[in-house]
N, C-alpha and C. Protein backbone atom coordinates (compact mmCIF):
# COMPACT_ATOMS: atom_id res chain seq x y z
N LEU A 1 -208.77 43.79 137.92
CA LEU A 1 -207.78 42.84 136.74
C LEU A 1 -206.77 41.95 136.99
N MET A 2 -206.80 41.67 138.20
CA MET A 2 -206.06 40.58 138.60
C MET A 2 -206.97 39.45 138.53
N PHE A 3 -208.14 39.35 138.31
CA PHE A 3 -208.95 37.97 137.99
C PHE A 3 -209.14 37.89 136.71
N SER A 4 -209.02 39.19 136.09
CA SER A 4 -209.47 38.90 134.61
C SER A 4 -208.47 38.09 133.53
N ILE A 5 -207.62 38.38 133.74
CA ILE A 5 -206.26 37.14 133.04
C ILE A 5 -206.76 35.60 133.19
N PRO A 6 -207.01 35.45 134.34
CA PRO A 6 -207.38 33.98 134.82
C PRO A 6 -208.85 33.37 134.14
N ILE A 7 -209.60 34.35 134.29
CA ILE A 7 -211.06 34.42 133.78
C ILE A 7 -211.01 33.86 132.45
N LEU A 8 -210.13 34.79 131.72
CA LEU A 8 -210.09 34.72 130.31
C LEU A 8 -209.38 33.64 129.84
N ALA A 9 -208.23 33.27 130.65
CA ALA A 9 -207.80 32.06 130.39
C ALA A 9 -208.62 30.87 130.45
N VAL A 10 -209.40 30.49 131.05
CA VAL A 10 -210.14 29.52 131.49
C VAL A 10 -211.14 29.34 130.59
N LEU A 11 -211.43 30.32 130.12
CA LEU A 11 -212.51 30.38 129.05
C LEU A 11 -211.96 29.98 127.73
N LEU A 12 -211.00 30.59 127.32
CA LEU A 12 -209.90 30.47 126.13
C LEU A 12 -209.49 28.75 126.38
N GLY A 13 -209.19 28.35 127.66
CA GLY A 13 -208.84 26.86 127.73
C GLY A 13 -209.95 26.17 127.65
N LEU A 14 -211.35 26.34 127.62
CA LEU A 14 -212.74 25.49 127.63
C LEU A 14 -212.50 25.52 125.96
N ILE A 15 -212.62 26.49 125.29
CA ILE A 15 -212.53 26.59 123.95
C ILE A 15 -211.46 25.61 123.40
N ILE A 16 -210.29 25.67 123.72
CA ILE A 16 -209.16 25.26 123.38
C ILE A 16 -209.27 23.60 123.36
N GLY A 17 -209.61 23.55 124.79
CA GLY A 17 -209.89 21.92 125.44
C GLY A 17 -210.86 21.18 124.28
N SER A 18 -211.87 21.95 123.42
CA SER A 18 -212.80 21.41 122.73
C SER A 18 -212.23 21.02 121.58
N PHE A 19 -211.21 21.73 120.95
CA PHE A 19 -210.31 21.27 119.75
C PHE A 19 -209.27 20.34 120.37
N VAL A 20 -208.37 20.27 121.42
CA VAL A 20 -208.05 19.38 121.81
C VAL A 20 -208.53 18.04 121.87
N ASN A 21 -209.99 17.91 122.10
CA ASN A 21 -210.73 16.70 121.98
C ASN A 21 -210.57 16.15 120.67
N VAL A 22 -210.78 17.03 119.46
CA VAL A 22 -210.60 16.81 118.10
C VAL A 22 -209.42 16.19 117.98
N LEU A 23 -208.59 16.58 118.40
CA LEU A 23 -206.80 16.53 118.24
C LEU A 23 -206.88 14.66 118.73
N ILE A 24 -207.22 14.74 119.83
CA ILE A 24 -206.99 13.50 120.33
C ILE A 24 -207.69 12.02 119.79
N HIS A 25 -208.94 12.71 119.21
CA HIS A 25 -209.95 11.58 118.55
C HIS A 25 -209.57 11.41 116.80
N ARG A 26 -209.07 12.42 116.27
CA ARG A 26 -208.76 12.43 114.95
C ARG A 26 -207.37 12.14 114.48
N LEU A 27 -206.33 12.95 115.36
CA LEU A 27 -205.28 12.62 114.83
C LEU A 27 -204.64 11.07 114.73
N PRO A 28 -205.11 10.36 115.41
CA PRO A 28 -204.44 8.71 115.51
C PRO A 28 -204.83 8.08 114.25
N ARG A 29 -205.98 8.64 113.85
CA ARG A 29 -206.60 7.74 112.90
C ARG A 29 -206.50 8.37 111.19
N MET A 30 -205.97 9.74 111.53
CA MET A 30 -205.40 10.17 110.18
C MET A 30 -203.98 9.77 109.82
N MET A 31 -203.18 9.44 111.27
CA MET A 31 -201.94 8.86 111.08
C MET A 31 -202.05 7.44 110.27
N GLN A 32 -202.90 6.91 111.16
CA GLN A 32 -203.38 5.24 110.52
C GLN A 32 -203.63 5.20 109.34
N THR A 33 -204.22 6.50 108.77
CA THR A 33 -204.58 6.20 107.41
C THR A 33 -203.54 6.54 106.28
N GLU A 34 -202.79 7.25 106.85
CA GLU A 34 -201.77 8.00 106.20
C GLU A 34 -200.61 6.57 106.10
N ALA A 35 -200.39 5.95 106.96
CA ALA A 35 -199.49 4.99 107.28
C ALA A 35 -200.01 3.51 106.21
N GLU A 36 -201.30 3.21 106.46
CA GLU A 36 -202.12 2.51 105.47
C GLU A 36 -201.62 2.48 103.97
N SER A 37 -201.71 4.21 103.59
CA SER A 37 -201.57 4.68 101.71
C SER A 37 -200.18 4.22 101.69
N GLU A 38 -199.20 4.70 102.44
CA GLU A 38 -197.71 4.60 102.32
C GLU A 38 -197.37 2.91 102.30
N ALA A 39 -197.98 2.10 102.98
CA ALA A 39 -197.70 0.73 102.84
C ALA A 39 -197.89 0.31 101.91
N ARG A 40 -199.39 0.72 101.48
CA ARG A 40 -199.64 0.18 100.07
C ARG A 40 -198.99 0.72 98.68
N GLU A 41 -198.36 1.97 98.73
CA GLU A 41 -197.77 2.49 97.98
C GLU A 41 -196.05 1.59 97.92
N ILE A 42 -195.72 1.39 99.02
CA ILE A 42 -194.55 0.79 98.99
C ILE A 42 -194.51 -0.44 98.66
N LEU A 43 -195.71 -1.46 98.68
CA LEU A 43 -195.75 -2.62 98.63
C LEU A 43 -196.33 -3.28 97.17
N ASN A 44 -196.58 -1.71 96.52
CA ASN A 44 -197.30 -1.69 95.04
C ASN A 44 -198.40 -2.50 95.18
N VAL A 45 -199.31 -1.94 96.16
CA VAL A 45 -200.78 -2.74 96.03
C VAL A 45 -201.46 -1.53 95.17
N ASP A 46 -202.61 -2.08 94.41
CA ASP A 46 -203.17 -1.29 93.92
C ASP A 46 -204.13 -0.69 94.85
N ALA A 47 -204.21 0.68 94.64
CA ALA A 47 -205.15 1.70 95.75
C ALA A 47 -206.59 1.44 95.16
N SER A 48 -206.91 1.06 94.00
CA SER A 48 -208.37 0.87 93.60
C SER A 48 -208.65 -0.41 94.19
N ALA A 49 -207.92 -1.14 94.67
CA ALA A 49 -208.49 -2.52 95.31
C ALA A 49 -208.73 -2.42 96.67
N GLU A 50 -208.18 -1.10 97.40
CA GLU A 50 -208.80 -0.78 98.70
C GLU A 50 -209.14 -1.97 99.52
N PRO A 51 -207.92 -2.60 100.11
CA PRO A 51 -208.49 -3.49 101.38
C PRO A 51 -209.08 -2.91 102.31
N PRO A 52 -209.72 -3.65 103.29
CA PRO A 52 -210.05 -2.80 104.28
C PRO A 52 -209.37 -2.37 105.34
N THR A 53 -209.68 -1.28 105.70
CA THR A 53 -208.82 -0.25 106.46
C THR A 53 -208.83 -0.64 107.88
N LEU A 54 -207.87 -0.24 108.60
CA LEU A 54 -208.15 -0.58 110.19
C LEU A 54 -208.69 0.41 110.84
N VAL A 55 -208.89 1.42 110.17
CA VAL A 55 -209.84 2.26 110.97
C VAL A 55 -211.16 2.80 109.98
N ALA A 56 -212.06 2.11 110.73
CA ALA A 56 -213.23 2.64 110.04
C ALA A 56 -213.84 3.87 109.90
N GLY A 57 -214.66 4.00 109.10
CA GLY A 57 -215.26 5.32 108.97
C GLY A 57 -214.92 6.29 108.00
N PRO A 58 -215.19 7.27 107.84
CA PRO A 58 -214.49 8.42 106.90
C PRO A 58 -213.25 8.81 107.23
N ARG A 59 -212.42 9.31 106.21
CA ARG A 59 -211.46 9.86 106.18
C ARG A 59 -211.58 11.31 107.20
N PHE A 60 -210.76 11.43 107.83
CA PHE A 60 -210.55 12.51 108.79
C PHE A 60 -209.65 13.63 108.41
N ASN A 61 -209.66 14.85 108.52
CA ASN A 61 -208.79 15.94 108.74
C ASN A 61 -209.07 16.48 110.14
N LEU A 62 -208.77 17.79 110.46
CA LEU A 62 -209.10 18.06 111.99
C LEU A 62 -210.10 18.78 111.37
N ILE A 63 -210.72 19.25 110.41
CA ILE A 63 -212.25 20.10 110.11
C ILE A 63 -213.42 19.49 109.56
N THR A 64 -212.90 18.39 108.89
CA THR A 64 -213.96 17.80 108.51
C THR A 64 -213.55 16.24 108.47
N PRO A 65 -214.72 15.45 108.41
CA PRO A 65 -216.03 15.86 108.44
C PRO A 65 -216.68 16.45 109.81
N ARG A 66 -218.02 17.16 109.90
CA ARG A 66 -218.19 17.46 111.08
C ARG A 66 -218.58 16.45 112.13
N SER A 67 -218.32 17.09 113.68
CA SER A 67 -218.56 15.90 114.53
C SER A 67 -220.05 15.28 114.65
N ARG A 68 -219.99 14.00 114.86
CA ARG A 68 -221.08 13.31 114.82
C ARG A 68 -221.29 12.35 115.99
N CYS A 69 -222.54 11.94 116.33
CA CYS A 69 -222.66 10.92 117.31
C CYS A 69 -221.88 9.73 116.92
N PRO A 70 -221.03 9.01 117.64
CA PRO A 70 -220.74 7.64 117.25
C PRO A 70 -221.71 6.52 117.36
N ALA A 71 -222.74 6.77 117.98
CA ALA A 71 -223.83 5.70 118.04
C ALA A 71 -224.91 5.69 116.90
N CYS A 72 -225.20 7.17 116.60
CA CYS A 72 -226.49 7.13 115.94
C CYS A 72 -226.18 7.79 114.27
N GLY A 73 -225.07 8.61 114.58
CA GLY A 73 -224.43 9.31 113.38
C GLY A 73 -224.64 10.63 113.30
N ALA A 74 -225.92 10.85 113.91
CA ALA A 74 -226.51 12.37 114.04
C ALA A 74 -225.39 13.42 114.01
N PRO A 75 -225.71 14.79 113.24
CA PRO A 75 -224.11 15.56 113.20
C PRO A 75 -224.38 16.42 114.62
N ILE A 76 -223.74 16.78 115.19
CA ILE A 76 -223.55 17.48 116.36
C ILE A 76 -223.41 18.98 115.89
N GLN A 77 -224.79 19.79 116.39
CA GLN A 77 -225.15 21.14 116.23
C GLN A 77 -223.96 22.00 116.68
N ALA A 78 -224.43 23.13 116.46
CA ALA A 78 -223.22 24.03 117.02
C ALA A 78 -223.84 24.41 118.29
N TRP A 79 -224.89 24.36 118.83
CA TRP A 79 -225.15 24.68 120.29
C TRP A 79 -224.72 23.35 121.18
N GLN A 80 -224.60 22.14 120.56
CA GLN A 80 -224.29 20.98 121.14
C GLN A 80 -222.88 20.96 121.38
N ASN A 81 -222.17 21.97 121.04
CA ASN A 81 -220.61 21.83 121.11
C ASN A 81 -220.00 23.00 121.64
N ILE A 82 -220.44 23.40 122.52
CA ILE A 82 -220.38 24.63 123.53
C ILE A 82 -219.30 23.93 124.70
N PRO A 83 -218.11 24.15 125.00
CA PRO A 83 -217.42 23.21 125.80
C PRO A 83 -218.22 23.26 127.32
N LEU A 84 -218.46 22.02 127.76
CA LEU A 84 -218.40 21.44 129.16
C LEU A 84 -219.95 22.27 129.26
N VAL A 85 -220.43 23.31 128.79
CA VAL A 85 -222.03 23.69 128.99
C VAL A 85 -222.97 22.76 128.42
N SER A 86 -222.84 22.47 126.91
CA SER A 86 -223.49 21.47 126.26
C SER A 86 -223.56 20.03 126.86
N TRP A 87 -222.41 19.43 127.31
CA TRP A 87 -222.62 18.12 128.18
C TRP A 87 -223.30 18.12 129.25
N LEU A 88 -222.96 19.13 130.01
CA LEU A 88 -224.35 19.20 131.19
C LEU A 88 -225.85 19.50 130.66
N LEU A 89 -225.97 20.27 129.67
CA LEU A 89 -227.20 20.47 129.49
C LEU A 89 -227.76 19.44 128.84
N LEU A 90 -226.99 18.62 128.16
CA LEU A 90 -227.75 17.44 127.19
C LEU A 90 -227.43 16.22 128.18
N ARG A 91 -226.98 16.36 129.70
CA ARG A 91 -226.76 15.58 130.85
C ARG A 91 -225.96 14.08 130.44
N GLY A 92 -225.19 14.33 129.28
CA GLY A 92 -223.91 13.45 129.02
C GLY A 92 -224.54 12.55 127.94
N ARG A 93 -225.49 12.99 127.27
CA ARG A 93 -226.16 12.25 126.27
C ARG A 93 -226.56 12.94 124.87
N CYS A 94 -226.49 11.99 123.95
CA CYS A 94 -226.53 12.52 122.36
C CYS A 94 -227.94 12.93 122.60
N ALA A 95 -228.15 14.29 121.37
CA ALA A 95 -229.58 14.84 121.53
C ALA A 95 -230.55 14.06 120.82
N GLU A 96 -230.01 13.20 120.05
CA GLU A 96 -230.98 12.59 119.18
C GLU A 96 -231.44 11.14 119.54
N CYS A 97 -230.14 10.18 119.93
CA CYS A 97 -230.67 9.03 120.03
C CYS A 97 -230.47 8.60 122.05
N ARG A 98 -230.04 9.59 122.38
CA ARG A 98 -230.01 9.66 124.16
C ARG A 98 -228.70 8.51 124.42
N ALA A 99 -227.91 8.19 123.48
CA ALA A 99 -226.47 7.38 123.99
C ALA A 99 -225.82 8.19 124.80
N PRO A 100 -225.25 7.64 125.48
CA PRO A 100 -224.04 8.38 126.37
C PRO A 100 -223.08 8.80 125.69
N ILE A 101 -222.19 9.96 126.25
CA ILE A 101 -221.33 10.96 125.42
C ILE A 101 -220.41 10.55 126.56
N SER A 102 -218.94 10.41 126.32
CA SER A 102 -218.16 9.94 127.30
C SER A 102 -217.73 11.06 128.13
N VAL A 103 -217.56 11.00 129.37
CA VAL A 103 -217.46 12.10 130.04
C VAL A 103 -215.72 12.74 130.02
N ARG A 104 -215.00 11.82 129.03
CA ARG A 104 -213.88 12.27 128.61
C ARG A 104 -213.82 13.78 127.93
N TYR A 105 -214.80 13.70 127.12
CA TYR A 105 -214.89 15.40 126.65
C TYR A 105 -214.78 16.42 127.75
N PRO A 106 -215.99 16.66 128.45
CA PRO A 106 -216.13 17.52 129.47
C PRO A 106 -214.97 17.69 130.18
N LEU A 107 -214.30 16.61 130.34
CA LEU A 107 -212.78 16.64 131.42
C LEU A 107 -211.57 16.98 130.87
N VAL A 108 -211.72 17.04 129.50
CA VAL A 108 -210.56 17.59 128.69
C VAL A 108 -210.81 19.18 128.63
N ASP A 109 -211.82 19.34 128.33
CA ASP A 109 -212.41 20.84 128.19
C ASP A 109 -211.93 21.41 129.85
N LEU A 110 -212.42 20.94 130.59
CA LEU A 110 -212.27 21.68 132.02
C LEU A 110 -210.73 21.09 132.31
N LEU A 111 -210.04 20.27 132.18
CA LEU A 111 -208.56 20.46 132.54
C LEU A 111 -207.82 21.02 131.81
N THR A 112 -208.16 21.28 130.38
CA THR A 112 -207.29 22.59 129.82
C THR A 112 -207.83 23.98 130.51
N GLY A 113 -209.26 24.09 130.56
CA GLY A 113 -209.19 25.38 130.78
C GLY A 113 -208.77 25.46 132.55
N VAL A 114 -208.59 24.79 133.51
CA VAL A 114 -208.20 24.94 134.37
C VAL A 114 -206.32 25.30 134.40
N LEU A 115 -205.83 24.55 133.99
CA LEU A 115 -204.52 24.46 133.42
C LEU A 115 -204.30 25.96 132.75
N PHE A 116 -205.02 26.74 132.02
CA PHE A 116 -204.71 27.62 131.18
C PHE A 116 -204.98 28.90 132.14
N ALA A 117 -206.10 28.64 133.20
CA ALA A 117 -205.97 29.65 134.33
C ALA A 117 -205.25 29.57 135.32
N THR A 118 -204.45 28.39 135.58
CA THR A 118 -203.17 28.54 136.35
C THR A 118 -202.16 29.14 135.83
N VAL A 119 -202.26 29.13 134.56
CA VAL A 119 -200.77 29.76 133.86
C VAL A 119 -201.15 31.11 133.77
N GLY A 120 -202.39 31.60 133.61
CA GLY A 120 -202.62 33.05 133.50
C GLY A 120 -202.48 33.65 134.97
N TRP A 121 -202.92 32.82 136.00
CA TRP A 121 -202.96 33.31 136.96
C TRP A 121 -201.44 33.97 137.69
N HIS A 122 -200.57 32.84 137.15
CA HIS A 122 -198.94 32.86 137.73
C HIS A 122 -198.45 33.91 136.68
N PHE A 123 -198.58 33.96 135.32
CA PHE A 123 -197.75 34.92 134.67
C PHE A 123 -198.53 35.97 134.35
N GLY A 124 -199.57 36.11 134.43
CA GLY A 124 -200.65 37.50 134.15
C GLY A 124 -200.53 37.63 132.65
N ALA A 125 -200.84 38.56 132.26
CA ALA A 125 -200.84 39.35 130.92
C ALA A 125 -199.19 39.21 130.26
N THR A 126 -198.77 37.93 130.17
CA THR A 126 -197.35 37.81 129.48
C THR A 126 -197.07 37.32 128.34
N VAL A 127 -196.17 37.19 127.71
CA VAL A 127 -195.71 36.15 126.62
C VAL A 127 -195.78 34.76 127.22
N GLU A 128 -195.20 34.51 128.47
CA GLU A 128 -195.14 33.63 129.03
C GLU A 128 -196.51 32.59 129.23
N THR A 129 -197.54 33.54 129.37
CA THR A 129 -198.88 33.05 129.53
C THR A 129 -199.17 32.27 128.26
N LEU A 130 -198.86 32.94 126.89
CA LEU A 130 -199.26 32.64 125.55
C LEU A 130 -198.48 31.04 125.49
N TYR A 131 -197.25 31.17 125.88
CA TYR A 131 -196.50 30.11 125.22
C TYR A 131 -196.46 29.05 126.38
N GLY A 132 -197.10 29.03 127.61
CA GLY A 132 -197.46 28.44 128.35
C GLY A 132 -198.76 27.55 128.08
N CYS A 133 -199.71 28.57 127.36
CA CYS A 133 -201.00 27.89 127.08
C CYS A 133 -200.76 27.05 126.06
N VAL A 134 -200.07 27.47 125.23
CA VAL A 134 -199.79 26.63 123.88
C VAL A 134 -199.19 25.25 124.20
N ILE A 135 -198.55 25.26 125.18
CA ILE A 135 -197.46 23.90 125.55
C ILE A 135 -198.62 23.21 126.53
N ILE A 136 -199.22 23.71 127.23
CA ILE A 136 -200.36 22.90 127.66
C ILE A 136 -201.23 22.26 126.93
N ALA A 137 -201.74 22.95 126.07
CA ALA A 137 -202.84 22.21 124.92
C ALA A 137 -202.29 21.20 123.84
N LEU A 138 -200.98 21.25 123.91
CA LEU A 138 -200.07 20.28 123.03
C LEU A 138 -200.11 19.02 124.04
N LEU A 139 -199.25 19.10 125.50
CA LEU A 139 -199.34 18.29 126.29
C LEU A 139 -200.64 17.67 126.67
N VAL A 140 -201.89 18.08 126.70
CA VAL A 140 -203.00 17.54 127.13
C VAL A 140 -203.29 16.43 125.84
N ALA A 141 -203.21 17.18 124.66
CA ALA A 141 -203.47 16.29 123.54
C ALA A 141 -202.51 15.21 123.45
N MET A 142 -201.46 15.38 123.30
CA MET A 142 -200.42 14.22 123.75
C MET A 142 -200.82 13.28 124.63
N SER A 143 -201.06 13.61 125.64
CA SER A 143 -201.83 12.62 127.06
C SER A 143 -202.95 11.96 126.45
N GLY A 144 -203.75 12.25 126.03
CA GLY A 144 -204.81 11.75 125.47
C GLY A 144 -204.45 10.75 124.57
N ILE A 145 -203.96 10.94 123.37
CA ILE A 145 -203.38 10.34 122.33
C ILE A 145 -202.28 9.32 122.97
N ASP A 146 -201.52 9.27 123.74
CA ASP A 146 -200.75 8.32 124.21
C ASP A 146 -201.74 7.33 125.18
N PHE A 147 -202.35 7.86 125.89
CA PHE A 147 -203.45 6.89 126.62
C PHE A 147 -203.96 6.06 125.95
N ASP A 148 -204.62 6.79 124.31
CA ASP A 148 -205.44 5.71 123.61
C ASP A 148 -204.75 4.78 122.89
N THR A 149 -203.26 5.41 122.39
CA THR A 149 -202.61 4.45 121.51
C THR A 149 -201.08 4.20 121.80
N GLN A 150 -200.55 5.07 122.64
CA GLN A 150 -199.40 4.67 123.11
C GLN A 150 -198.12 5.58 121.53
N TYR A 151 -199.08 6.30 121.33
CA TYR A 151 -198.23 7.17 120.24
C TYR A 151 -198.03 8.47 120.64
N LEU A 152 -196.90 9.07 120.13
CA LEU A 152 -196.60 10.34 120.68
C LEU A 152 -196.60 11.13 119.28
N PRO A 153 -197.59 11.37 118.04
CA PRO A 153 -197.57 11.78 117.12
C PRO A 153 -196.15 13.31 116.91
N ASP A 154 -195.38 12.88 116.16
CA ASP A 154 -194.48 13.92 115.58
C ASP A 154 -194.78 15.51 115.12
N SER A 155 -196.20 15.51 114.43
CA SER A 155 -196.89 16.75 114.31
C SER A 155 -197.16 17.49 115.53
N LEU A 156 -197.07 16.92 116.55
CA LEU A 156 -197.31 17.56 117.79
C LEU A 156 -195.94 17.58 118.69
N THR A 157 -195.33 16.69 118.60
CA THR A 157 -193.78 16.77 119.82
C THR A 157 -192.95 17.74 118.81
N LEU A 158 -192.84 17.71 117.75
CA LEU A 158 -191.57 18.52 117.41
C LEU A 158 -192.07 20.14 117.33
N PRO A 159 -193.64 20.30 116.73
CA PRO A 159 -193.50 21.93 117.04
C PRO A 159 -193.54 22.32 118.42
N MET A 160 -193.78 21.63 119.52
CA MET A 160 -193.55 21.25 121.02
C MET A 160 -192.36 21.82 121.34
N LEU A 161 -191.43 20.99 120.71
CA LEU A 161 -189.79 20.86 120.92
C LEU A 161 -189.20 22.51 120.54
N TRP A 162 -189.74 23.02 119.39
CA TRP A 162 -189.05 24.32 118.75
C TRP A 162 -189.88 25.10 119.58
N LEU A 163 -190.90 24.98 119.88
CA LEU A 163 -191.84 26.31 120.89
C LEU A 163 -191.35 26.44 122.28
N GLY A 164 -190.73 25.14 122.76
CA GLY A 164 -190.20 25.14 123.85
C GLY A 164 -188.85 25.87 123.79
N LEU A 165 -187.87 25.57 122.80
CA LEU A 165 -186.71 26.29 122.59
C LEU A 165 -186.75 27.84 122.39
N LEU A 166 -187.86 28.31 121.51
CA LEU A 166 -188.10 29.63 121.35
C LEU A 166 -188.66 30.30 122.57
N ALA A 167 -189.45 29.71 123.18
CA ALA A 167 -190.25 30.37 124.42
C ALA A 167 -188.91 30.31 125.69
N ALA A 168 -187.90 29.60 125.48
CA ALA A 168 -186.63 29.87 126.47
C ALA A 168 -185.96 31.18 125.89
N VAL A 169 -185.48 31.14 124.73
CA VAL A 169 -185.19 32.16 123.98
C VAL A 169 -185.61 33.64 124.09
N VAL A 170 -186.72 33.46 123.88
CA VAL A 170 -187.50 35.04 124.03
C VAL A 170 -187.82 35.39 125.29
N THR A 171 -188.14 34.75 126.35
CA THR A 171 -188.76 34.81 127.86
C THR A 171 -187.09 35.15 128.62
N GLY A 172 -186.08 34.85 128.10
CA GLY A 172 -184.85 34.43 129.16
C GLY A 172 -185.09 33.39 130.30
N ARG A 173 -185.81 32.69 130.22
CA ARG A 173 -186.04 31.58 131.29
C ARG A 173 -185.32 30.66 131.00
N GLY A 174 -184.63 30.30 129.66
CA GLY A 174 -183.76 29.00 129.48
C GLY A 174 -182.64 29.25 129.75
N ALA A 175 -181.63 30.13 130.45
CA ALA A 175 -180.67 30.08 130.84
C ALA A 175 -180.05 29.37 131.70
N ALA A 176 -178.67 28.63 131.83
CA ALA A 176 -178.35 27.68 132.25
C ALA A 176 -178.24 27.89 133.63
N PRO A 177 -178.39 26.92 134.99
CA PRO A 177 -178.37 27.47 136.02
C PRO A 177 -176.82 27.48 136.78
N PHE A 178 -176.02 27.14 135.62
CA PHE A 178 -174.57 27.42 136.34
C PHE A 178 -174.01 27.74 134.98
N PRO A 179 -172.61 28.08 135.01
CA PRO A 179 -171.80 28.51 133.86
C PRO A 179 -171.84 27.78 132.63
N VAL A 180 -171.92 28.02 131.55
CA VAL A 180 -171.60 27.10 130.79
C VAL A 180 -170.54 27.89 129.76
N GLY A 181 -169.31 27.13 129.42
CA GLY A 181 -168.42 27.27 128.59
C GLY A 181 -167.24 28.16 129.22
N PRO A 182 -166.19 28.97 128.96
CA PRO A 182 -165.25 29.41 129.45
C PRO A 182 -165.84 30.52 130.34
N THR A 183 -165.29 30.70 131.71
CA THR A 183 -165.47 31.29 132.78
C THR A 183 -164.58 32.48 133.14
N ASP A 184 -163.62 32.67 132.06
CA ASP A 184 -162.63 33.56 132.35
C ASP A 184 -163.14 34.88 131.73
């Protein structure tokens, strides 16, 4: 039982790490598209004129379009999307065109898995593990986005702020290390 929580945590971390890669890739593009749309609205630019966008390619959300090879555009099949394993089986290359796939994808998966396992090992099957894993996923996503763009999206930072405060209250780990307020 002692090892089951970290093993489950690492497996969950690999899966969540794959979604974190989606956040790192798509969220900045979604933000850019939204900013361009708002700018056109503020400047009263006709939306049908559609000036060239700064972000090439289809409009993204976190679910669609399906992931594709950036080199050839081939859709990524489900078996090619197994965290870490698929990258190793494909030897870091696209199944269709054999173009290299960035090592960043398995590294983010692995980092998230190892950090989840560490939290699971430290806290066991507790609410602290749940909070810790969510915060880790957000931090890894924000680190990747920050590395690429020097942005920290409000859509990630604000929920993490509130989650951290909630976690401190729920777990009781948010108590000040010294008396606050009147001591009488």
